[in-house]
Amino acid sequence: FFAGIRMSEMLRLDWSSIDLLEHFIRLPAAITKTRQTRNIDISTTLEKWLAPYSGSTGKVVPLSPDSLRKKTSS
């Protein structure tokens, strides 16, 4: 959300890839569709959304694709 990250990438993204101090998200090649590392700038809006979670660990979205689909279709 606010970053242009594919849903499949977001579901595999870990908090360790998000650098709020440097204002970027590093998508490792292992989780991208093209198998190339991508760096994404964090917009001001996205930074405000992520700020309360600063220091979090683990998966950014701790849901399976199926449970996410069910939540968004309700």
PDB file of N, CA and C in Angstrom:
ATOM      1  N   PHE A   1       0.845  -1.171   0.000  1.00  0.00           N
ATOM      2  CA  PHE A   1       0.000   0.000   0.000  1.00  0.00           C
ATOM      3  C   PHE A   1       0.890   1.234   0.000  1.00  0.00           C
ATOM      4  N   PHE A   2       0.617   2.161  -0.892  1.00  0.00           N
ATOM      5  CA  PHE A   2       1.381   3.407  -1.046  1.00  0.00           C
ATOM      6  C   PHE A   2       2.811   3.177  -1.522  1.00  0.00           C
ATOM      7  N   ALA A   3       3.139   1.950  -1.953  1.00  0.00           N
ATOM      8  CA  ALA A   3       4.517   1.692  -2.364  1.00  0.00           C
ATOM      9  C   ALA A   3       4.616   1.007  -3.721  1.00  0.00           C
ATOM     10  N   GLY A   4       3.531   0.524  -4.252  1.00  0.00           N
ATOM     11  CA  GLY A   4       3.566  -0.165  -5.533  1.00  0.00           C
ATOM     12  C   GLY A   4       4.172  -1.554  -5.457  1.00  0.00           C
ATOM     13  N   ILE A   5       4.055  -2.185  -4.306  1.00  0.00           N
ATOM     14  CA  ILE A   5       4.589  -3.531  -4.126  1.00  0.00           C
ATOM     15  C   ILE A   5       3.506  -4.541  -4.494  1.00  0.00           C
ATOM     16  N   ARG A   6       3.876  -5.540  -5.257  1.00  0.00           N
ATOM     17  CA  ARG A   6       2.929  -6.598  -5.624  1.00  0.00           C
ATOM     18  C   ARG A   6       2.455  -7.338  -4.374  1.00  0.00           C
ATOM     19  N   MET A   7       1.218  -7.802  -4.416  1.00  0.00           N
ATOM     20  CA  MET A   7       0.641  -8.523  -3.280  1.00  0.00           C
ATOM     21  C   MET A   7       1.516  -9.717  -2.895  1.00  0.00           C
ATOM     22  N   SER A   8       1.988 -10.470  -3.877  1.00  0.00           N
ATOM     23  CA  SER A   8       2.821 -11.641  -3.579  1.00  0.00           C
ATOM     24  C   SER A   8       4.130 -11.237  -2.901  1.00  0.00           C
ATOM     25  N   GLU A   9       4.673 -10.084  -3.274  1.00  0.00           N
ATOM     26  CA  GLU A   9       5.904  -9.589  -2.644  1.00  0.00           C
ATOM     27  C   GLU A   9       5.618  -9.125  -1.214  1.00  0.00           C
ATOM     28  N   MET A  10       4.502  -8.438  -1.042  1.00  0.00           N
ATOM     29  CA  MET A  10       4.145  -7.933   0.274  1.00  0.00           C
ATOM     30  C   MET A  10       3.920  -9.082   1.268  1.00  0.00           C
ATOM     31  N   LEU A  11       3.336 -10.170   0.799  1.00  0.00           N
ATOM     32  CA  LEU A  11       3.078 -11.308   1.674  1.00  0.00           C
ATOM     33  C   LEU A  11       4.367 -11.998   2.125  1.00  0.00           C
ATOM     34  N   ARG A  12       5.452 -11.818   1.374  1.00  0.00           N
ATOM     35  CA  ARG A  12       6.741 -12.422   1.741  1.00  0.00           C
ATOM     36  C   ARG A  12       7.703 -11.423   2.384  1.00  0.00           C
ATOM     37  N   LEU A  13       7.300 -10.160   2.443  1.00  0.00           N
ATOM     38  CA  LEU A  13       8.172  -9.096   2.936  1.00  0.00           C
ATOM     39  C   LEU A  13       8.325  -9.159   4.453  1.00  0.00           C
ATOM     40  N   ASP A  14       9.549  -8.968   4.900  1.00  0.00           N
ATOM     41  CA  ASP A  14       9.885  -8.977   6.316  1.00  0.00           C
ATOM     42  C   ASP A  14      10.205  -7.546   6.761  1.00  0.00           C
ATOM     43  N   TRP A  15       9.918  -7.235   8.028  1.00  0.00           N
ATOM     44  CA  TRP A  15      10.185  -5.894   8.552  1.00  0.00           C
ATOM     45  C   TRP A  15      11.647  -5.502   8.430  1.00  0.00           C
ATOM     46  N   SER A  16      12.548  -6.456   8.409  1.00  0.00           N
ATOM     47  CA  SER A  16      13.975  -6.128   8.295  1.00  0.00           C
ATOM     48  C   SER A  16      14.317  -5.473   6.959  1.00  0.00           C
ATOM     49  N   SER A  17      13.415  -5.559   5.985  1.00  0.00           N
ATOM     50  CA  SER A  17      13.637  -4.952   4.668  1.00  0.00           C
ATOM     51  C   SER A  17      13.171  -3.499   4.605  1.00  0.00           C
ATOM     52  N   ILE A  18      12.547  -3.026   5.680  1.00  0.00           N
ATOM     53  CA  ILE A  18      12.015  -1.664   5.700  1.00  0.00           C
ATOM     54  C   ILE A  18      12.924  -0.788   6.551  1.00  0.00           C
ATOM     55  N   ASP A  19      13.458   0.261   5.930  1.00  0.00           N
ATOM     56  CA  ASP A  19      14.357   1.185   6.622  1.00  0.00           C
ATOM     57  C   ASP A  19      13.687   2.561   6.693  1.00  0.00           C
ATOM     58  N   LEU A  20      13.032   2.836   7.825  1.00  0.00           N
ATOM     59  CA  LEU A  20      12.334   4.110   7.977  1.00  0.00           C
ATOM     60  C   LEU A  20      13.298   5.286   8.116  1.00  0.00           C
ATOM     61  N   LEU A  21      14.494   5.037   8.635  1.00  0.00           N
ATOM     62  CA  LEU A  21      15.465   6.127   8.779  1.00  0.00           C
ATOM     63  C   LEU A  21      16.001   6.586   7.433  1.00  0.00           C
ATOM     64  N   GLU A  22      16.231   5.648   6.533  1.00  0.00           N
ATOM     65  CA  GLU A  22      16.749   5.976   5.193  1.00  0.00           C
ATOM     66  C   GLU A  22      15.622   6.142   4.167  1.00  0.00           C
ATOM     67  N   HIS A  23      14.389   5.871   4.570  1.00  0.00           N
ATOM     68  CA  HIS A  23      13.193   6.059   3.737  1.00  0.00           C
ATOM     69  C   HIS A  23      13.156   5.174   2.493  1.00  0.00           C
ATOM     70  N   PHE A  24      13.454   3.882   2.674  1.00  0.00           N
ATOM     71  CA  PHE A  24      13.312   2.964   1.544  1.00  0.00           C
ATOM     72  C   PHE A  24      12.976   1.560   2.021  1.00  0.00           C
ATOM     73  N   ILE A  25      12.409   0.812   1.085  1.00  0.00           N
ATOM     74  CA  ILE A  25      12.122  -0.606   1.292  1.00  0.00           C
ATOM     75  C   ILE A  25      12.999  -1.359   0.306  1.00  0.00           C
ATOM     76  N   ARG A  26      13.753  -2.328   0.798  1.00  0.00           N
ATOM     77  CA  ARG A  26      14.580  -3.153  -0.080  1.00  0.00           C
ATOM     78  C   ARG A  26      13.857  -4.480  -0.279  1.00  0.00           C
ATOM     79  N   LEU A  27      13.434  -4.713  -1.510  1.00  0.00           N
ATOM     80  CA  LEU A  27      12.813  -5.990  -1.846  1.00  0.00           C
ATOM     81  C   LEU A  27      13.914  -6.926  -2.327  1.00  0.00           C
ATOM     82  N   PRO A  28      14.228  -7.954  -1.549  1.00  0.00           N
ATOM     83  CA  PRO A  28      15.280  -8.891  -1.962  1.00  0.00           C
ATOM     84  C   PRO A  28      14.886  -9.645  -3.231  1.00  0.00           C
ATOM     85  N   ALA A  29      15.860 -10.011  -4.014  1.00  0.00           N
ATOM     86  CA  ALA A  29      15.612 -10.740  -5.262  1.00  0.00           C
ATOM     87  C   ALA A  29      14.799 -12.005  -5.029  1.00  0.00           C
ATOM     88  N   ALA A  30      14.958 -12.632  -3.905  1.00  0.00           N
ATOM     89  CA  ALA A  30      14.263 -13.891  -3.616  1.00  0.00           C
ATOM     90  C   ALA A  30      12.741 -13.738  -3.554  1.00  0.00           C
ATOM     91  N   ILE A  31      12.238 -12.515  -3.339  1.00  0.00           N
ATOM     92  CA  ILE A  31      10.789 -12.362  -3.235  1.00  0.00           C
ATOM     93  C   ILE A  31      10.161 -11.593  -4.396  1.00  0.00           C
ATOM     94  N   THR A  32      10.991 -11.090  -5.325  1.00  0.00           N
ATOM     95  CA  THR A  32      10.433 -10.301  -6.432  1.00  0.00           C
ATOM     96  C   THR A  32      10.097 -11.180  -7.629  1.00  0.00           C
ATOM     97  N   LYS A  33       9.160 -10.707  -8.415  1.00  0.00           N
ATOM     98  CA  LYS A  33       8.729 -11.437  -9.617  1.00  0.00           C
ATOM     99  C   LYS A  33       9.876 -11.578 -10.626  1.00  0.00           C
ATOM    100  N   THR A  34      10.682 -10.524 -10.749  1.00  0.00           N
ATOM    101  CA  THR A  34      11.760 -10.515 -11.738  1.00  0.00           C
ATOM    102  C   THR A  34      13.066 -11.101 -11.210  1.00  0.00           C
ATOM    103  N   ARG A  35      13.076 -11.483  -9.921  1.00  0.00           N
ATOM    104  CA  ARG A  35      14.265 -12.026  -9.258  1.00  0.00           C
ATOM    105  C   ARG A  35      15.431 -11.045  -9.252  1.00  0.00           C
ATOM    106  N   GLN A  36      15.077  -9.751  -9.206  1.00  0.00           N
ATOM    107  CA  GLN A  36      16.080  -8.691  -9.075  1.00  0.00           C
ATOM    108  C   GLN A  36      15.732  -7.849  -7.851  1.00  0.00           C
ATOM    109  N   THR A  37      16.732  -7.506  -7.064  1.00  0.00           N
ATOM    110  CA  THR A  37      16.508  -6.657  -5.899  1.00  0.00           C
ATOM    111  C   THR A  37      15.975  -5.312  -6.350  1.00  0.00           C
ATOM    112  N   ARG A  38      14.966  -4.813  -5.626  1.00  0.00           N
ATOM    113  CA  ARG A  38      14.407  -3.487  -5.924  1.00  0.00           C
ATOM    114  C   ARG A  38      14.396  -2.665  -4.648  1.00  0.00           C
ATOM    115  N   ASN A  39      14.732  -1.397  -4.795  1.00  0.00           N
ATOM    116  CA  ASN A  39      14.609  -0.448  -3.691  1.00  0.00           C
ATOM    117  C   ASN A  39      13.453   0.486  -4.006  1.00  0.00           C
ATOM    118  N   ILE A  40      12.580   0.666  -3.027  1.00  0.00           N
ATOM    119  CA  ILE A  40      11.398   1.495  -3.211  1.00  0.00           C
ATOM    120  C   ILE A  40      11.449   2.624  -2.196  1.00  0.00           C
ATOM    121  N   ASP A  41      11.308   3.849  -2.680  1.00  0.00           N
ATOM    122  CA  ASP A  41      11.275   5.001  -1.783  1.00  0.00           C
ATOM    123  C   ASP A  41      10.003   4.974  -0.952  1.00  0.00           C
ATOM    124  N   ILE A  42      10.123   5.339   0.305  1.00  0.00           N
ATOM    125  CA  ILE A  42       8.970   5.423   1.198  1.00  0.00           C
ATOM    126  C   ILE A  42       8.445   6.853   1.136  1.00  0.00           C
ATOM    127  N   SER A  43       7.207   6.996   0.679  1.00  0.00           N
ATOM    128  CA  SER A  43       6.579   8.312   0.601  1.00  0.00           C
ATOM    129  C   SER A  43       6.235   8.807   2.009  1.00  0.00           C
ATOM    130  N   THR A  44       5.929  10.076   2.117  1.00  0.00           N
ATOM    131  CA  THR A  44       5.550  10.663   3.403  1.00  0.00           C
ATOM    132  C   THR A  44       4.317   9.963   3.966  1.00  0.00           C
ATOM    133  N   THR A  45       3.344   9.686   3.109  1.00  0.00           N
ATOM    134  CA  THR A  45       2.125   9.005   3.547  1.00  0.00           C
ATOM    135  C   THR A  45       2.441   7.619   4.077  1.00  0.00           C
ATOM    136  N   LEU A  46       3.230   6.861   3.328  1.00  0.00           N
ATOM    137  CA  LEU A  46       3.595   5.512   3.765  1.00  0.00           C
ATOM    138  C   LEU A  46       4.386   5.563   5.067  1.00  0.00           C
ATOM    139  N   GLU A  47       5.272   6.522   5.190  1.00  0.00           N
ATOM    140  CA  GLU A  47       6.066   6.652   6.412  1.00  0.00           C
ATOM    141  C   GLU A  47       5.154   6.847   7.631  1.00  0.00           C
ATOM    142  N   LYS A  48       4.118   7.662   7.472  1.00  0.00           N
ATOM    143  CA  LYS A  48       3.183   7.892   8.577  1.00  0.00           C
ATOM    144  C   LYS A  48       2.410   6.626   8.934  1.00  0.00           C
ATOM    145  N   TRP A  49       2.089   5.822   7.932  1.00  0.00           N
ATOM    146  CA  TRP A  49       1.386   4.559   8.182  1.00  0.00           C
ATOM    147  C   TRP A  49       2.300   3.555   8.881  1.00  0.00           C
ATOM    148  N   LEU A  50       3.576   3.537   8.518  1.00  0.00           N
ATOM    149  CA  LEU A  50       4.506   2.554   9.073  1.00  0.00           C
ATOM    150  C   LEU A  50       5.119   2.964  10.412  1.00  0.00           C
ATOM    151  N   ALA A  51       5.166   4.247  10.706  1.00  0.00           N
ATOM    152  CA  ALA A  51       5.829   4.752  11.908  1.00  0.00           C
ATOM    153  C   ALA A  51       5.407   4.042  13.197  1.00  0.00           C
ATOM    154  N   PRO A  52       4.116   3.774  13.424  1.00  0.00           N
ATOM    155  CA  PRO A  52       3.738   3.091  14.664  1.00  0.00           C
ATOM    156  C   PRO A  52       4.312   1.675  14.789  1.00  0.00           C
ATOM    157  N   TYR A  53       4.746   1.106  13.675  1.00  0.00           N
ATOM    158  CA  TYR A  53       5.279  -0.261  13.680  1.00  0.00           C
ATOM    159  C   TYR A  53       6.799  -0.300  13.649  1.00  0.00           C
ATOM    160  N   SER A  54       7.429   0.851  13.789  1.00  0.00           N
ATOM    161  CA  SER A  54       8.885   0.923  13.783  1.00  0.00           C
ATOM    162  C   SER A  54       9.451  -0.041  14.826  1.00  0.00           C
ATOM    163  N   GLY A  55      10.418  -0.832  14.417  1.00  0.00           N
ATOM    164  CA  GLY A  55      11.019  -1.812  15.317  1.00  0.00           C
ATOM    165  C   GLY A  55      10.326  -3.161  15.316  1.00  0.00           C
ATOM    166  N   SER A  56       9.279  -3.300  14.507  1.00  0.00           N
ATOM    167  CA  SER A  56       8.590  -4.588  14.422  1.00  0.00           C
ATOM    168  C   SER A  56       9.490  -5.629  13.775  1.00  0.00           C
ATOM    169  N   THR A  57       9.198  -6.888  14.032  1.00  0.00           N
ATOM    170  CA  THR A  57       9.956  -7.983  13.436  1.00  0.00           C
ATOM    171  C   THR A  57       8.992  -8.983  12.812  1.00  0.00           C
ATOM    172  N   GLY A  58       9.539  -9.853  11.988  1.00  0.00           N
ATOM    173  CA  GLY A  58       8.720 -10.880  11.342  1.00  0.00           C
ATOM    174  C   GLY A  58       8.105 -10.379  10.050  1.00  0.00           C
ATOM    175  N   LYS A  59       7.075 -11.068   9.609  1.00  0.00           N
ATOM    176  CA  LYS A  59       6.388 -10.724   8.363  1.00  0.00           C
ATOM    177  C   LYS A  59       5.630  -9.412   8.512  1.00  0.00           C
ATOM    178  N   VAL A  60       5.650  -8.605   7.454  1.00  0.00           N
ATOM    179  CA  VAL A  60       4.901  -7.348   7.457  1.00  0.00           C
ATOM    180  C   VAL A  60       3.406  -7.649   7.452  1.00  0.00           C
ATOM    181  N   VAL A  61       3.004  -8.615   6.639  1.00  0.00           N
ATOM    182  CA  VAL A  61       1.606  -9.046   6.567  1.00  0.00           C
ATOM    183  C   VAL A  61       1.568 -10.508   6.999  1.00  0.00           C
ATOM    184  N   PRO A  62       1.248 -10.754   8.275  1.00  0.00           N
ATOM    185  CA  PRO A  62       1.290 -12.138   8.783  1.00  0.00           C
ATOM    186  C   PRO A  62       0.036 -12.941   8.433  1.00  0.00           C
ATOM    187  N   LEU A  63      -0.369 -12.875   7.170  1.00  0.00           N
ATOM    188  CA  LEU A  63      -1.549 -13.601   6.700  1.00  0.00           C
ATOM    189  C   LEU A  63      -1.181 -14.454   5.500  1.00  0.00           C
ATOM    190  N   SER A  64      -1.939 -15.485   5.277  1.00  0.00           N
ATOM    191  CA  SER A  64      -1.762 -16.275   4.059  1.00  0.00           C
ATOM    192  C   SER A  64      -2.523 -15.576   2.937  1.00  0.00           C
ATOM    193  N   PRO A  65      -2.207 -15.849   1.675  1.00  0.00           N
ATOM    194  CA  PRO A  65      -2.946 -15.242   0.572  1.00  0.00           C
ATOM    195  C   PRO A  65      -4.445 -15.513   0.653  1.00  0.00           C
ATOM    196  N   ASP A  66      -4.824 -16.722   1.065  1.00  0.00           N
ATOM    197  CA  ASP A  66      -6.249 -17.063   1.153  1.00  0.00           C
ATOM    198  C   ASP A  66      -6.960 -16.244   2.223  1.00  0.00           C
ATOM    199  N   SER A  67      -6.360 -16.140   3.406  1.00  0.00           N
ATOM    200  CA  SER A  67      -7.013 -15.385   4.474  1.00  0.00           C
ATOM    201  C   SER A  67      -7.056 -13.898   4.133  1.00  0.00           C
ATOM    202  N   LEU A  68      -6.063 -13.382   3.426  1.00  0.00           N
ATOM    203  CA  LEU A  68      -6.074 -11.988   3.003  1.00  0.00           C
ATOM    204  C   LEU A  68      -7.211 -11.749   2.002  1.00  0.00           C
ATOM    205  N   ARG A  69      -7.379 -12.665   1.053  1.00  0.00           N
ATOM    206  CA  ARG A  69      -8.467 -12.546   0.080  1.00  0.00           C
ATOM    207  C   ARG A  69      -9.825 -12.527   0.783  1.00  0.00           C
ATOM    208  N   LYS A  70      -9.994 -13.387   1.768  1.00  0.00           N
ATOM    209  CA  LYS A  70     -11.266 -13.438   2.502  1.00  0.00           C
ATOM    210  C   LYS A  70     -11.520 -12.139   3.242  1.00  0.00           C
ATOM    211  N   LYS A  71     -10.486 -11.569   3.849  1.00  0.00           N
ATOM    212  CA  LYS A  71     -10.644 -10.314   4.587  1.00  0.00           C
ATOM    213  C   LYS A  71     -10.987  -9.155   3.655  1.00  0.00           C
ATOM    214  N   THR A  72     -10.390  -9.118   2.470  1.00  0.00           N
ATOM    215  CA  THR A  72     -10.627  -7.997   1.553  1.00  0.00           C
ATOM    216  C   THR A  72     -11.927  -8.140   0.778  1.00  0.00           C
ATOM    217  N   SER A  73     -12.473  -9.335   0.681  1.00  0.00           N
ATOM    218  CA  SER A  73     -13.722  -9.518  -0.054  1.00  0.00           C
ATOM    219  C   SER A  73     -14.943  -9.413   0.850  1.00  0.00           C
ATOM    220  N   SER A  74     -14.737  -9.313   2.150  1.00  0.00           N
ATOM    221  CA  SER A  74     -15.867  -9.199   3.087  1.00  0.00           C
ATOM    222  C   SER A  74     -16.437  -7.816   3.124  1.00  0.00           C
TER     223      SER A  74
END
